[in-house]
């Protein structure tokens, strides 16, 4: 959905982070056993941080939309329900509010 493209996980950037990892080559591990390991630990931290930021971005967007739609449902619930059950419809709208947002 075009208006939401900035809210998607940026897989391309994450993939570029992964491409920076040095492959473990037997020659380097014999001559410099800690060289690749130290570089990969740093890159691992960078990748995990980038991944967490992407997940948080998507979660904030999802929570915002879920809250928005729950509020809309609560607003229209009285018009959708019968005269005898407006509280039940309002309660249903309240149950749609996202947890943890």
C-alpha atoms as a PDB file:
ATOM      1  CA  UNK A   1       0.000   0.000   0.000  1.00  0.00           C
ATOM      2  CA  UNK A   2       1.760   3.135  -1.257  1.00  0.00           C
ATOM      3  CA  UNK A   3       1.048   5.522   1.659  1.00  0.00           C
ATOM      4  CA  UNK A   4       2.468   2.980   4.094  1.00  0.00           C
ATOM      5  CA  UNK A   5       5.715   2.103   2.297  1.00  0.00           C
ATOM      6  CA  UNK A   6       7.824   3.999   4.834  1.00  0.00           C
ATOM      7  CA  UNK A   7       6.302   1.844   7.570  1.00  0.00           C
ATOM      8  CA  UNK A   8       7.440  -1.479   6.074  1.00  0.00           C
ATOM      9  CA  UNK A   9      10.545  -3.338   7.185  1.00  0.00           C
ATOM     10  CA  UNK A  10      13.487  -2.212   5.045  1.00  0.00           C
ATOM     11  CA  UNK A  11      14.674  -5.663   3.979  1.00  0.00           C
ATOM     12  CA  UNK A  12      17.136  -4.176   1.497  1.00  0.00           C
ATOM     13  CA  UNK A  13      19.026  -2.306   4.245  1.00  0.00           C
ATOM     14  CA  UNK A  14      19.022  -5.383   6.489  1.00  0.00           C
ATOM     15  CA  UNK A  15      20.322  -7.501   3.617  1.00  0.00           C
ATOM     16  CA  UNK A  16      23.133  -4.985   3.030  1.00  0.00           C
ATOM     17  CA  UNK A  17      24.077  -5.292   6.713  1.00  0.00           C
ATOM     18  CA  UNK A  18      24.245  -9.065   6.368  1.00  0.00           C
ATOM     19  CA  UNK A  19      26.449  -8.829   3.270  1.00  0.00           C
ATOM     20  CA  UNK A  20      29.083  -7.022   5.350  1.00  0.00           C
ATOM     21  CA  UNK A  21      29.798 -10.154   7.410  1.00  0.00           C
ATOM     22  CA  UNK A  22      33.179 -11.661   6.579  1.00  0.00           C
ATOM     23  CA  UNK A  23      33.078 -15.297   5.679  1.00  0.00           C
ATOM     24  CA  UNK A  24      35.218 -17.465   7.852  1.00  0.00           C
ATOM     25  CA  UNK A  25      38.094 -18.500   5.613  1.00  0.00           C
ATOM     26  CA  UNK A  26      40.505 -21.174   6.844  1.00  0.00           C
ATOM     27  CA  UNK A  27      43.565 -19.081   5.911  1.00  0.00           C
ATOM     28  CA  UNK A  28      42.488 -16.078   7.980  1.00  0.00           C
ATOM     29  CA  UNK A  29      41.386 -18.122  10.954  1.00  0.00           C
ATOM     30  CA  UNK A  30      44.854 -19.702  11.188  1.00  0.00           C
ATOM     31  CA  UNK A  31      46.823 -16.474  10.689  1.00  0.00           C
ATOM     32  CA  UNK A  32      44.486 -14.114  12.566  1.00  0.00           C
ATOM     33  CA  UNK A  33      42.027 -16.161  14.595  1.00  0.00           C
ATOM     34  CA  UNK A  34      40.283 -13.173  16.186  1.00  0.00           C
ATOM     35  CA  UNK A  35      40.215 -10.761  13.213  1.00  0.00           C
ATOM     36  CA  UNK A  36      37.039 -12.034  11.565  1.00  0.00           C
ATOM     37  CA  UNK A  37      35.387 -12.875  14.860  1.00  0.00           C
ATOM     38  CA  UNK A  38      35.765  -9.334  16.230  1.00  0.00           C
ATOM     39  CA  UNK A  39      34.537  -7.747  13.010  1.00  0.00           C
ATOM     40  CA  UNK A  40      31.560 -10.104  12.854  1.00  0.00           C
ATOM     41  CA  UNK A  41      30.630  -9.436  16.485  1.00  0.00           C
ATOM     42  CA  UNK A  42      30.509  -5.719  15.709  1.00  0.00           C
ATOM     43  CA  UNK A  43      28.454  -6.339  12.551  1.00  0.00           C
ATOM     44  CA  UNK A  44      26.199  -8.716  14.456  1.00  0.00           C
ATOM     45  CA  UNK A  45      25.416  -5.952  16.933  1.00  0.00           C
ATOM     46  CA  UNK A  46      24.803  -3.526  14.077  1.00  0.00           C
ATOM     47  CA  UNK A  47      22.448  -5.951  12.356  1.00  0.00           C
ATOM     48  CA  UNK A  48      20.502  -6.745  15.535  1.00  0.00           C
ATOM     49  CA  UNK A  49      20.163  -3.027  16.329  1.00  0.00           C
ATOM     50  CA  UNK A  50      18.950  -2.302  12.789  1.00  0.00           C
ATOM     51  CA  UNK A  51      16.505  -5.197  12.943  1.00  0.00           C
ATOM     52  CA  UNK A  52      15.105  -4.044  16.293  1.00  0.00           C
ATOM     53  CA  UNK A  53      14.623  -0.503  14.956  1.00  0.00           C
ATOM     54  CA  UNK A  54      12.743  -1.880  11.954  1.00  0.00           C
ATOM     55  CA  UNK A  55      10.533  -4.040  14.173  1.00  0.00           C
ATOM     56  CA  UNK A  56       9.805  -1.107  16.483  1.00  0.00           C
ATOM     57  CA  UNK A  57       8.895   1.071  13.483  1.00  0.00           C
ATOM     58  CA  UNK A  58       6.400  -1.499  12.228  1.00  0.00           C
ATOM     59  CA  UNK A  59       5.029  -2.082  15.726  1.00  0.00           C
ATOM     60  CA  UNK A  60       4.452   1.657  16.296  1.00  0.00           C
ATOM     61  CA  UNK A  61       2.628   1.885  12.979  1.00  0.00           C
ATOM     62  CA  UNK A  62       0.534  -1.208  13.718  1.00  0.00           C
ATOM     63  CA  UNK A  63      -0.389   0.033  17.194  1.00  0.00           C
ATOM     64  CA  UNK A  64      -1.333   3.420  15.822  1.00  0.00           C
ATOM     65  CA  UNK A  65      -3.571   1.901  13.149  1.00  0.00           C
ATOM     66  CA  UNK A  66      -5.113  -0.603  15.571  1.00  0.00           C
ATOM     67  CA  UNK A  67      -5.895   2.186  18.033  1.00  0.00           C
ATOM     68  CA  UNK A  68      -7.312   4.330  15.235  1.00  0.00           C
ATOM     69  CA  UNK A  69      -9.571   1.536  13.963  1.00  0.00           C
ATOM     70  CA  UNK A  70     -10.698   0.588  17.487  1.00  0.00           C
ATOM     71  CA  UNK A  71     -11.719   4.202  18.098  1.00  0.00           C
ATOM     72  CA  UNK A  72     -13.622   4.266  14.797  1.00  0.00           C
ATOM     73  CA  UNK A  73     -15.408   1.049  15.694  1.00  0.00           C
ATOM     74  CA  UNK A  74     -16.363   2.403  19.101  1.00  0.00           C
ATOM     75  CA  UNK A  75     -17.705   5.554  17.423  1.00  0.00           C
ATOM     76  CA  UNK A  76     -19.889   3.687  14.934  1.00  0.00           C
ATOM     77  CA  UNK A  77     -20.865   0.763  17.190  1.00  0.00           C
ATOM     78  CA  UNK A  78     -24.000   2.489  18.520  1.00  0.00           C
ATOM     79  CA  UNK A  79     -25.239   2.957  14.961  1.00  0.00           C
ATOM     80  CA  UNK A  80     -24.584  -0.665  14.025  1.00  0.00           C
ATOM     81  CA  UNK A  81     -26.201  -2.294  17.026  1.00  0.00           C
ATOM     82  CA  UNK A  82     -29.838  -2.747  17.816  1.00  0.00           C
ATOM     83  CA  UNK A  83     -31.504  -0.525  20.369  1.00  0.00           C
ATOM     84  CA  UNK A  84     -31.336  -3.286  22.979  1.00  0.00           C
ATOM     85  CA  UNK A  85     -27.605  -3.979  22.758  1.00  0.00           C
ATOM     86  CA  UNK A  86     -25.612  -0.722  22.381  1.00  0.00           C
ATOM     87  CA  UNK A  87     -23.433  -1.575  25.372  1.00  0.00           C
ATOM     88  CA  UNK A  88     -22.490  -4.945  23.890  1.00  0.00           C
ATOM     89  CA  UNK A  89     -21.377  -3.272  20.665  1.00  0.00           C
ATOM     90  CA  UNK A  90     -19.372  -0.683  22.579  1.00  0.00           C
ATOM     91  CA  UNK A  91     -17.759  -3.452  24.610  1.00  0.00           C
ATOM     92  CA  UNK A  92     -16.847  -5.264  21.404  1.00  0.00           C
ATOM     93  CA  UNK A  93     -15.129  -2.115  20.178  1.00  0.00           C
ATOM     94  CA  UNK A  94     -13.220  -1.827  23.431  1.00  0.00           C
ATOM     95  CA  UNK A  95     -11.996  -5.409  23.063  1.00  0.00           C
ATOM     96  CA  UNK A  96     -10.380  -4.503  19.745  1.00  0.00           C
ATOM     97  CA  UNK A  97      -8.042  -2.024  21.389  1.00  0.00           C
ATOM     98  CA  UNK A  98      -4.537  -3.442  20.982  1.00  0.00           C
ATOM     99  CA  UNK A  99      -2.702  -4.669  24.025  1.00  0.00           C
ATOM    100  CA  UNK A 100       0.769  -3.299  24.629  1.00  0.00           C
ATOM    101  CA  UNK A 101       0.354  -0.234  22.429  1.00  0.00           C
END
